[in-house]
Amino acid sequence: MSFKNIYLDLITMLEEEFKYYKAHQQELIKSYLGKSVVIKGNNVLGVYDSDMEAYQETIKTHESGSFLIMQCLPGDESYSQSFNSRVVFA
């Protein structure tokens, strides 16, 4: 199985959680700006100061990969990234 297939499987597995985050993003930001929230299904399991703390605490009671950790930030800052490279294709 390729990395791409694993990545797509993870996206599919956590699609419900991501949709929940996006649908409730504004209210989550009002309550938890800058905090990391753990989402499973349509429920917030916990709120933590960092992604690492959220992960370490949540795997005590839930299987790794069965929940989503999102940092509460406005816009798409918490779920988009840009990568820059000096590679040139000729």
PDB file of N, CA and C in Angstrom:
ATOM      1  N   MET A   1       0.857  -1.182   0.000  1.00  0.00           N
ATOM      2  CA  MET A   1       0.000   0.000   0.000  1.00  0.00           C
ATOM      3  C   MET A   1       0.898   1.238   0.000  1.00  0.00           C
ATOM      4  N   SER A   2       0.569   2.185  -0.840  1.00  0.00           N
ATOM      5  CA  SER A   2       1.388   3.390  -0.956  1.00  0.00           C
ATOM      6  C   SER A   2       1.003   4.414   0.111  1.00  0.00           C
ATOM      7  N   PHE A   3       1.906   5.361   0.318  1.00  0.00           N
ATOM      8  CA  PHE A   3       1.641   6.455   1.262  1.00  0.00           C
ATOM      9  C   PHE A   3       0.382   7.210   0.851  1.00  0.00           C
ATOM     10  N   LYS A   4       0.208   7.418  -0.451  1.00  0.00           N
ATOM     11  CA  LYS A   4      -0.964   8.142  -0.945  1.00  0.00           C
ATOM     12  C   LYS A   4      -2.246   7.415  -0.548  1.00  0.00           C
ATOM     13  N   ASN A   5      -2.272   6.094  -0.694  1.00  0.00           N
ATOM     14  CA  ASN A   5      -3.460   5.323  -0.329  1.00  0.00           C
ATOM     15  C   ASN A   5      -3.724   5.386   1.171  1.00  0.00           C
ATOM     16  N   ILE A   6      -2.676   5.313   1.983  1.00  0.00           N
ATOM     17  CA  ILE A   6      -2.830   5.413   3.434  1.00  0.00           C
ATOM     18  C   ILE A   6      -3.397   6.782   3.792  1.00  0.00           C
ATOM     19  N   TYR A   7      -2.869   7.838   3.190  1.00  0.00           N
ATOM     20  CA  TYR A   7      -3.328   9.206   3.442  1.00  0.00           C
ATOM     21  C   TYR A   7      -4.801   9.347   3.067  1.00  0.00           C
ATOM     22  N   LEU A   8      -5.185   8.829   1.901  1.00  0.00           N
ATOM     23  CA  LEU A   8      -6.579   8.927   1.464  1.00  0.00           C
ATOM     24  C   LEU A   8      -7.501   8.130   2.382  1.00  0.00           C
ATOM     25  N   ASP A   9      -7.034   6.968   2.870  1.00  0.00           N
ATOM     26  CA  ASP A   9      -7.819   6.184   3.825  1.00  0.00           C
ATOM     27  C   ASP A   9      -8.043   6.966   5.110  1.00  0.00           C
ATOM     28  N   LEU A  10      -7.005   7.652   5.603  1.00  0.00           N
ATOM     29  CA  LEU A  10      -7.140   8.445   6.831  1.00  0.00           C
ATOM     30  C   LEU A  10      -8.126   9.589   6.633  1.00  0.00           C
ATOM     31  N   ILE A  11      -8.056  10.242   5.489  1.00  0.00           N
ATOM     32  CA  ILE A  11      -8.982  11.340   5.207  1.00  0.00           C
ATOM     33  C   ILE A  11     -10.416  10.824   5.209  1.00  0.00           C
ATOM     34  N   THR A  12     -10.639   9.688   4.573  1.00  0.00           N
ATOM     35  CA  THR A  12     -11.971   9.103   4.520  1.00  0.00           C
ATOM     36  C   THR A  12     -12.446   8.706   5.911  1.00  0.00           C
ATOM     37  N   MET A  13     -11.553   8.114   6.710  1.00  0.00           N
ATOM     38  CA  MET A  13     -11.907   7.677   8.055  1.00  0.00           C
ATOM     39  C   MET A  13     -12.333   8.842   8.933  1.00  0.00           C
ATOM     40  N   LEU A  14     -11.685   9.968   8.803  1.00  0.00           N
ATOM     41  CA  LEU A  14     -11.942  11.107   9.680  1.00  0.00           C
ATOM     42  C   LEU A  14     -12.764  12.206   9.009  1.00  0.00           C
ATOM     43  N   GLU A  15     -13.385  11.879   7.894  1.00  0.00           N
ATOM     44  CA  GLU A  15     -14.161  12.874   7.154  1.00  0.00           C
ATOM     45  C   GLU A  15     -15.317  13.429   7.999  1.00  0.00           C
ATOM     46  N   GLU A  16     -16.001  12.562   8.732  1.00  0.00           N
ATOM     47  CA  GLU A  16     -17.115  13.004   9.579  1.00  0.00           C
ATOM     48  C   GLU A  16     -16.629  14.009  10.627  1.00  0.00           C
ATOM     49  N   GLU A  17     -15.476  13.721  11.234  1.00  0.00           N
ATOM     50  CA  GLU A  17     -14.920  14.600  12.260  1.00  0.00           C
ATOM     51  C   GLU A  17     -14.509  15.944  11.668  1.00  0.00           C
ATOM     52  N   PHE A  18     -13.913  15.903  10.480  1.00  0.00           N
ATOM     53  CA  PHE A  18     -13.488  17.144   9.838  1.00  0.00           C
ATOM     54  C   PHE A  18     -14.694  17.997   9.457  1.00  0.00           C
ATOM     55  N   LYS A  19     -15.735  17.360   8.942  1.00  0.00           N
ATOM     56  CA  LYS A  19     -16.954  18.100   8.601  1.00  0.00           C
ATOM     57  C   LYS A  19     -17.555  18.733   9.852  1.00  0.00           C
ATOM     58  N   TYR A  20     -17.524  18.008  10.964  1.00  0.00           N
ATOM     59  CA  TYR A  20     -18.033  18.549  12.226  1.00  0.00           C
ATOM     60  C   TYR A  20     -17.228  19.781  12.626  1.00  0.00           C
ATOM     61  N   TYR A  21     -15.890  19.679  12.539  1.00  0.00           N
ATOM     62  CA  TYR A  21     -15.040  20.826  12.889  1.00  0.00           C
ATOM     63  C   TYR A  21     -15.393  22.037  12.036  1.00  0.00           C
ATOM     64  N   LYS A  22     -15.459  21.833  10.716  1.00  0.00           N
ATOM     65  CA  LYS A  22     -15.744  22.965   9.831  1.00  0.00           C
ATOM     66  C   LYS A  22     -17.122  23.567  10.106  1.00  0.00           C
ATOM     67  N   ALA A  23     -18.112  22.716  10.379  1.00  0.00           N
ATOM     68  CA  ALA A  23     -19.472  23.206  10.639  1.00  0.00           C
ATOM     69  C   ALA A  23     -19.564  23.977  11.949  1.00  0.00           C
ATOM     70  N   HIS A  24     -18.720  23.643  12.917  1.00  0.00           N
ATOM     71  CA  HIS A  24     -18.772  24.267  14.242  1.00  0.00           C
ATOM     72  C   HIS A  24     -17.543  25.128  14.542  1.00  0.00           C
ATOM     73  N   GLN A  25     -16.750  25.412  13.528  1.00  0.00           N
ATOM     74  CA  GLN A  25     -15.490  26.117  13.715  1.00  0.00           C
ATOM     75  C   GLN A  25     -15.656  27.438  14.456  1.00  0.00           C
ATOM     76  N   GLN A  26     -16.617  28.241  14.089  1.00  0.00           N
ATOM     77  CA  GLN A  26     -16.774  29.561  14.712  1.00  0.00           C
ATOM     78  C   GLN A  26     -17.074  29.456  16.203  1.00  0.00           C
ATOM     79  N   GLU A  27     -17.961  28.559  16.582  1.00  0.00           N
ATOM     80  CA  GLU A  27     -18.275  28.419  18.005  1.00  0.00           C
ATOM     81  C   GLU A  27     -17.109  27.795  18.773  1.00  0.00           C
ATOM     82  N   LEU A  28     -16.369  26.883  18.135  1.00  0.00           N
ATOM     83  CA  LEU A  28     -15.192  26.304  18.788  1.00  0.00           C
ATOM     84  C   LEU A  28     -14.116  27.367  19.004  1.00  0.00           C
ATOM     85  N   ILE A  29     -13.940  28.234  18.025  1.00  0.00           N
ATOM     86  CA  ILE A  29     -12.951  29.307  18.141  1.00  0.00           C
ATOM     87  C   ILE A  29     -13.325  30.260  19.275  1.00  0.00           C
ATOM     88  N   LYS A  30     -14.597  30.588  19.391  1.00  0.00           N
ATOM     89  CA  LYS A  30     -15.039  31.493  20.455  1.00  0.00           C
ATOM     90  C   LYS A  30     -14.693  30.927  21.838  1.00  0.00           C
ATOM     91  N   SER A  31     -14.827  29.634  21.975  1.00  0.00           N
ATOM     92  CA  SER A  31     -14.583  29.003  23.277  1.00  0.00           C
ATOM     93  C   SER A  31     -13.137  28.568  23.484  1.00  0.00           C
ATOM     94  N   TYR A  32     -12.455  28.174  22.393  1.00  0.00           N
ATOM     95  CA  TYR A  32     -11.160  27.501  22.548  1.00  0.00           C
ATOM     96  C   TYR A  32     -10.065  28.044  21.627  1.00  0.00           C
ATOM     97  N   LEU A  33     -10.076  29.321  21.320  1.00  0.00           N
ATOM     98  CA  LEU A  33      -9.092  29.898  20.405  1.00  0.00           C
ATOM     99  C   LEU A  33      -7.671  29.483  20.783  1.00  0.00           C
ATOM    100  N   GLY A  34      -6.963  28.902  19.826  1.00  0.00           N
ATOM    101  CA  GLY A  34      -5.576  28.500  20.020  1.00  0.00           C
ATOM    102  C   GLY A  34      -5.399  27.158  20.699  1.00  0.00           C
ATOM    103  N   LYS A  35      -6.457  26.586  21.207  1.00  0.00           N
ATOM    104  CA  LYS A  35      -6.387  25.282  21.882  1.00  0.00           C
ATOM    105  C   LYS A  35      -6.543  24.167  20.850  1.00  0.00           C
ATOM    106  N   SER A  36      -6.161  22.953  21.249  1.00  0.00           N
ATOM    107  CA  SER A  36      -6.337  21.768  20.417  1.00  0.00           C
ATOM    108  C   SER A  36      -7.550  21.003  20.910  1.00  0.00           C
ATOM    109  N   VAL A  37      -8.478  20.749  20.000  1.00  0.00           N
ATOM    110  CA  VAL A  37      -9.674  19.993  20.360  1.00  0.00           C
ATOM    111  C   VAL A  37      -9.590  18.595  19.748  1.00  0.00           C
ATOM    112  N   VAL A  38     -10.110  17.629  20.482  1.00  0.00           N
ATOM    113  CA  VAL A  38     -10.169  16.251  20.000  1.00  0.00           C
ATOM    114  C   VAL A  38     -11.621  15.974  19.637  1.00  0.00           C
ATOM    115  N   ILE A  39     -11.832  15.525  18.397  1.00  0.00           N
ATOM    116  CA  ILE A  39     -13.178  15.270  17.896  1.00  0.00           C
ATOM    117  C   ILE A  39     -13.274  13.809  17.472  1.00  0.00           C
ATOM    118  N   LYS A  40     -14.341  13.159  17.899  1.00  0.00           N
ATOM    119  CA  LYS A  40     -14.638  11.796  17.461  1.00  0.00           C
ATOM    120  C   LYS A  40     -16.121  11.752  17.135  1.00  0.00           C
ATOM    121  N   GLY A  41     -16.430  11.378  15.905  1.00  0.00           N
ATOM    122  CA  GLY A  41     -17.814  11.439  15.453  1.00  0.00           C
ATOM    123  C   GLY A  41     -18.254  12.890  15.438  1.00  0.00           C
ATOM    124  N   ASN A  42     -19.343  13.170  16.098  1.00  0.00           N
ATOM    125  CA  ASN A  42     -19.840  14.545  16.192  1.00  0.00           C
ATOM    126  C   ASN A  42     -19.733  15.062  17.614  1.00  0.00           C
ATOM    127  N   ASN A  43     -18.662  14.673  18.293  1.00  0.00           N
ATOM    128  CA  ASN A  43     -18.469  15.066  19.692  1.00  0.00           C
ATOM    129  C   ASN A  43     -17.055  15.575  19.938  1.00  0.00           C
ATOM    130  N   VAL A  44     -16.951  16.601  20.756  1.00  0.00           N
ATOM    131  CA  VAL A  44     -15.647  17.061  21.222  1.00  0.00           C
ATOM    132  C   VAL A  44     -15.322  16.244  22.475  1.00  0.00           C
ATOM    133  N   LEU A  45     -14.244  15.457  22.395  1.00  0.00           N
ATOM    134  CA  LEU A  45     -13.849  14.610  23.524  1.00  0.00           C
ATOM    135  C   LEU A  45     -13.059  15.370  24.574  1.00  0.00           C
ATOM    136  N   GLY A  46     -12.294  16.371  24.129  1.00  0.00           N
ATOM    137  CA  GLY A  46     -11.474  17.112  25.069  1.00  0.00           C
ATOM    138  C   GLY A  46     -10.836  18.324  24.430  1.00  0.00           C
ATOM    139  N   VAL A  47     -10.312  19.200  25.280  1.00  0.00           N
ATOM    140  CA  VAL A  47      -9.652  20.430  24.841  1.00  0.00           C
ATOM    141  C   VAL A  47      -8.320  20.507  25.570  1.00  0.00           C
ATOM    142  N   TYR A  48      -7.239  20.768  24.833  1.00  0.00           N
ATOM    143  CA  TYR A  48      -5.895  20.729  25.399  1.00  0.00           C
ATOM    144  C   TYR A  48      -5.069  21.919  24.915  1.00  0.00           C
ATOM    145  N   ASP A  49      -3.956  22.145  25.586  1.00  0.00           N
ATOM    146  CA  ASP A  49      -3.076  23.261  25.228  1.00  0.00           C
ATOM    147  C   ASP A  49      -2.228  22.982  23.992  1.00  0.00           C
ATOM    148  N   SER A  50      -2.017  21.704  23.642  1.00  0.00           N
ATOM    149  CA  SER A  50      -1.193  21.372  22.480  1.00  0.00           C
ATOM    150  C   SER A  50      -1.704  20.099  21.816  1.00  0.00           C
ATOM    151  N   ASP A  51      -1.312  19.911  20.560  1.00  0.00           N
ATOM    152  CA  ASP A  51      -1.676  18.691  19.841  1.00  0.00           C
ATOM    153  C   ASP A  51      -1.082  17.469  20.532  1.00  0.00           C
ATOM    154  N   MET A  52       0.148  17.589  20.996  1.00  0.00           N
ATOM    155  CA  MET A  52       0.820  16.458  21.641  1.00  0.00           C
ATOM    156  C   MET A  52       0.080  16.043  22.914  1.00  0.00           C
ATOM    157  N   GLU A  53      -0.285  17.020  23.732  1.00  0.00           N
ATOM    158  CA  GLU A  53      -1.031  16.718  24.953  1.00  0.00           C
ATOM    159  C   GLU A  53      -2.377  16.077  24.596  1.00  0.00           C
ATOM    160  N   ALA A  54      -3.042  16.603  23.578  1.00  0.00           N
ATOM    161  CA  ALA A  54      -4.333  16.058  23.147  1.00  0.00           C
ATOM    162  C   ALA A  54      -4.173  14.594  22.734  1.00  0.00           C
ATOM    163  N   TYR A  55      -3.138  14.308  21.975  1.00  0.00           N
ATOM    164  CA  TYR A  55      -2.907  12.937  21.518  1.00  0.00           C
ATOM    165  C   TYR A  55      -2.577  12.013  22.689  1.00  0.00           C
ATOM    166  N   GLN A  56      -1.635  12.419  23.520  1.00  0.00           N
ATOM    167  CA  GLN A  56      -1.202  11.573  24.632  1.00  0.00           C
ATOM    168  C   GLN A  56      -2.342  11.249  25.594  1.00  0.00           C
ATOM    169  N   GLU A  57      -3.199  12.206  25.843  1.00  0.00           N
ATOM    170  CA  GLU A  57      -4.318  11.968  26.755  1.00  0.00           C
ATOM    171  C   GLU A  57      -5.416  11.129  26.092  1.00  0.00           C
ATOM    172  N   THR A  58      -5.676  11.373  24.825  1.00  0.00           N
ATOM    173  CA  THR A  58      -6.787  10.701  24.160  1.00  0.00           C
ATOM    174  C   THR A  58      -6.489   9.233  23.871  1.00  0.00           C
ATOM    175  N   ILE A  59      -5.230   8.887  23.581  1.00  0.00           N
ATOM    176  CA  ILE A  59      -4.935   7.474  23.299  1.00  0.00           C
ATOM    177  C   ILE A  59      -5.041   6.601  24.551  1.00  0.00           C
ATOM    178  N   LYS A  60      -5.201   7.228  25.703  1.00  0.00           N
ATOM    179  CA  LYS A  60      -5.418   6.445  26.928  1.00  0.00           C
ATOM    180  C   LYS A  60      -6.782   5.760  26.912  1.00  0.00           C
ATOM    181  N   THR A  61      -7.738   6.342  26.189  1.00  0.00           N
ATOM    182  CA  THR A  61      -9.092   5.801  26.194  1.00  0.00           C
ATOM    183  C   THR A  61      -9.659   5.529  24.796  1.00  0.00           C
ATOM    184  N   HIS A  62      -8.968   5.976  23.741  1.00  0.00           N
ATOM    185  CA  HIS A  62      -9.459   5.785  22.370  1.00  0.00           C
ATOM    186  C   HIS A  62      -8.307   5.321  21.480  1.00  0.00           C
ATOM    187  N   GLU A  63      -8.640   4.490  20.504  1.00  0.00           N
ATOM    188  CA  GLU A  63      -7.633   3.960  19.597  1.00  0.00           C
ATOM    189  C   GLU A  63      -7.045   5.068  18.722  1.00  0.00           C
ATOM    190  N   SER A  64      -5.734   5.056  18.578  1.00  0.00           N
ATOM    191  CA  SER A  64      -5.059   6.013  17.709  1.00  0.00           C
ATOM    192  C   SER A  64      -5.610   5.882  16.297  1.00  0.00           C
ATOM    193  N   GLY A  65      -5.897   7.003  15.669  1.00  0.00           N
ATOM    194  CA  GLY A  65      -6.458   7.007  14.325  1.00  0.00           C
ATOM    195  C   GLY A  65      -7.972   7.050  14.300  1.00  0.00           C
ATOM    196  N   SER A  66      -8.591   6.978  15.478  1.00  0.00           N
ATOM    197  CA  SER A  66     -10.057   6.978  15.531  1.00  0.00           C
ATOM    198  C   SER A  66     -10.618   8.347  15.904  1.00  0.00           C
ATOM    199  N   PHE A  67      -9.762   9.344  16.022  1.00  0.00           N
ATOM    200  CA  PHE A  67     -10.186  10.684  16.410  1.00  0.00           C
ATOM    201  C   PHE A  67      -9.356  11.713  15.667  1.00  0.00           C
ATOM    202  N   LEU A  68      -9.878  12.924  15.622  1.00  0.00           N
ATOM    203  CA  LEU A  68      -9.222  14.029  14.928  1.00  0.00           C
ATOM    204  C   LEU A  68      -8.807  15.086  15.939  1.00  0.00           C
ATOM    205  N   ILE A  69      -7.602  15.592  15.784  1.00  0.00           N
ATOM    206  CA  ILE A  69      -7.119  16.694  16.628  1.00  0.00           C
ATOM    207  C   ILE A  69      -6.985  17.921  15.739  1.00  0.00           C
ATOM    208  N   MET A  70      -7.664  18.993  16.134  1.00  0.00           N
ATOM    209  CA  MET A  70      -7.602  20.237  15.372  1.00  0.00           C
ATOM    210  C   MET A  70      -7.268  21.388  16.304  1.00  0.00           C
ATOM    211  N   GLN A  71      -6.418  22.276  15.832  1.00  0.00           N
ATOM    212  CA  GLN A  71      -6.136  23.491  16.580  1.00  0.00           C
ATOM    213  C   GLN A  71      -7.193  24.519  16.181  1.00  0.00           C
ATOM    214  N   CYS A  72      -7.817  25.128  17.158  1.00  0.00           N
ATOM    215  CA  CYS A  72      -8.889  26.105  16.894  1.00  0.00           C
ATOM    216  C   CYS A  72      -8.299  27.440  16.470  1.00  0.00           C
ATOM    217  N   LEU A  73      -8.315  27.672  15.171  1.00  0.00           N
ATOM    218  CA  LEU A  73      -7.821  28.911  14.585  1.00  0.00           C
ATOM    219  C   LEU A  73      -8.829  29.395  13.549  1.00  0.00           C
ATOM    220  N   PRO A  74      -8.887  30.697  13.314  1.00  0.00           N
ATOM    221  CA  PRO A  74      -9.831  31.214  12.322  1.00  0.00           C
ATOM    222  C   PRO A  74      -9.440  30.833  10.898  1.00  0.00           C
ATOM    223  N   GLY A  75     -10.420  30.872  10.006  1.00  0.00           N
ATOM    224  CA  GLY A  75     -10.176  30.581   8.591  1.00  0.00           C
ATOM    225  C   GLY A  75      -9.714  29.156   8.388  1.00  0.00           C
ATOM    226  N   ASP A  76      -8.850  28.973   7.389  1.00  0.00           N
ATOM    227  CA  ASP A  76      -8.370  27.632   7.101  1.00  0.00           C
ATOM    228  C   ASP A  76      -6.961  27.390   7.649  1.00  0.00           C
ATOM    229  N   GLU A  77      -6.496  28.256   8.554  1.00  0.00           N
ATOM    230  CA  GLU A  77      -5.149  28.148   9.109  1.00  0.00           C
ATOM    231  C   GLU A  77      -4.875  26.800   9.776  1.00  0.00           C
ATOM    232  N   SER A  78      -5.885  26.208  10.403  1.00  0.00           N
ATOM    233  CA  SER A  78      -5.651  24.979  11.151  1.00  0.00           C
ATOM    234  C   SER A  78      -5.681  23.734  10.277  1.00  0.00           C
ATOM    235  N   TYR A  79      -6.128  23.852   9.029  1.00  0.00           N
ATOM    236  CA  TYR A  79      -6.190  22.653   8.203  1.00  0.00           C
ATOM    237  C   TYR A  79      -5.621  22.825   6.805  1.00  0.00           C
ATOM    238  N   SER A  80      -4.791  23.823   6.613  1.00  0.00           N
ATOM    239  CA  SER A  80      -4.099  23.952   5.337  1.00  0.00           C
ATOM    240  C   SER A  80      -2.645  24.313   5.606  1.00  0.00           C
ATOM    241  N   GLN A  81      -1.788  23.851   4.712  1.00  0.00           N
ATOM    242  CA  GLN A  81      -0.366  24.122   4.849  1.00  0.00           C
ATOM    243  C   GLN A  81       0.210  24.425   3.480  1.00  0.00           C
ATOM    244  N   SER A  82       1.263  25.220   3.469  1.00  0.00           N
ATOM    245  CA  SER A  82       2.003  25.488   2.247  1.00  0.00           C
ATOM    246  C   SER A  82       3.426  25.008   2.433  1.00  0.00           C
ATOM    247  N   PHE A  83       3.942  24.369   1.406  1.00  0.00           N
ATOM    248  CA  PHE A  83       5.312  23.888   1.454  1.00  0.00           C
ATOM    249  C   PHE A  83       6.073  24.514   0.303  1.00  0.00           C
ATOM    250  N   ASN A  84       7.246  25.022   0.597  1.00  0.00           N
ATOM    251  CA  ASN A  84       8.080  25.638  -0.418  1.00  0.00           C
ATOM    252  C   ASN A  84       9.337  24.811  -0.605  1.00  0.00           C
ATOM    253  N   SER A  85       9.819  24.761  -1.827  1.00  0.00           N
ATOM    254  CA  SER A  85      11.015  23.985  -2.130  1.00  0.00           C
ATOM    255  C   SER A  85      11.851  24.756  -3.137  1.00  0.00           C
ATOM    256  N   ARG A  86      13.121  24.515  -3.095  1.00  0.00           N
ATOM    257  CA  ARG A  86      14.025  25.145  -4.069  1.00  0.00           C
ATOM    258  C   ARG A  86      14.275  24.214  -5.251  1.00  0.00           C
ATOM    259  N   VAL A  87      13.519  23.165  -5.350  1.00  0.00           N
ATOM    260  CA  VAL A  87      13.682  22.209  -6.450  1.00  0.00           C
ATOM    261  C   VAL A  87      13.172  22.844  -7.736  1.00  0.00           C
ATOM    262  N   VAL A  88      13.932  22.672  -8.797  1.00  0.00           N
ATOM    263  CA  VAL A  88      13.550  23.188 -10.101  1.00  0.00           C
ATOM    264  C   VAL A  88      13.392  22.009 -11.046  1.00  0.00           C
ATOM    265  N   PHE A  89      12.270  21.948 -11.711  1.00  0.00           N
ATOM    266  CA  PHE A  89      12.045  20.885 -12.698  1.00  0.00           C
ATOM    267  C   PHE A  89      12.335  21.454 -14.067  1.00  0.00           C
ATOM    268  N   ALA A  90      13.174  20.776 -14.780  1.00  0.00           N
ATOM    269  CA  ALA A  90      13.549  21.258 -16.124  1.00  0.00           C
ATOM    270  C   ALA A  90      13.042  20.325 -17.181  1.00  0.00           C
TER     271      ALA A  90
END
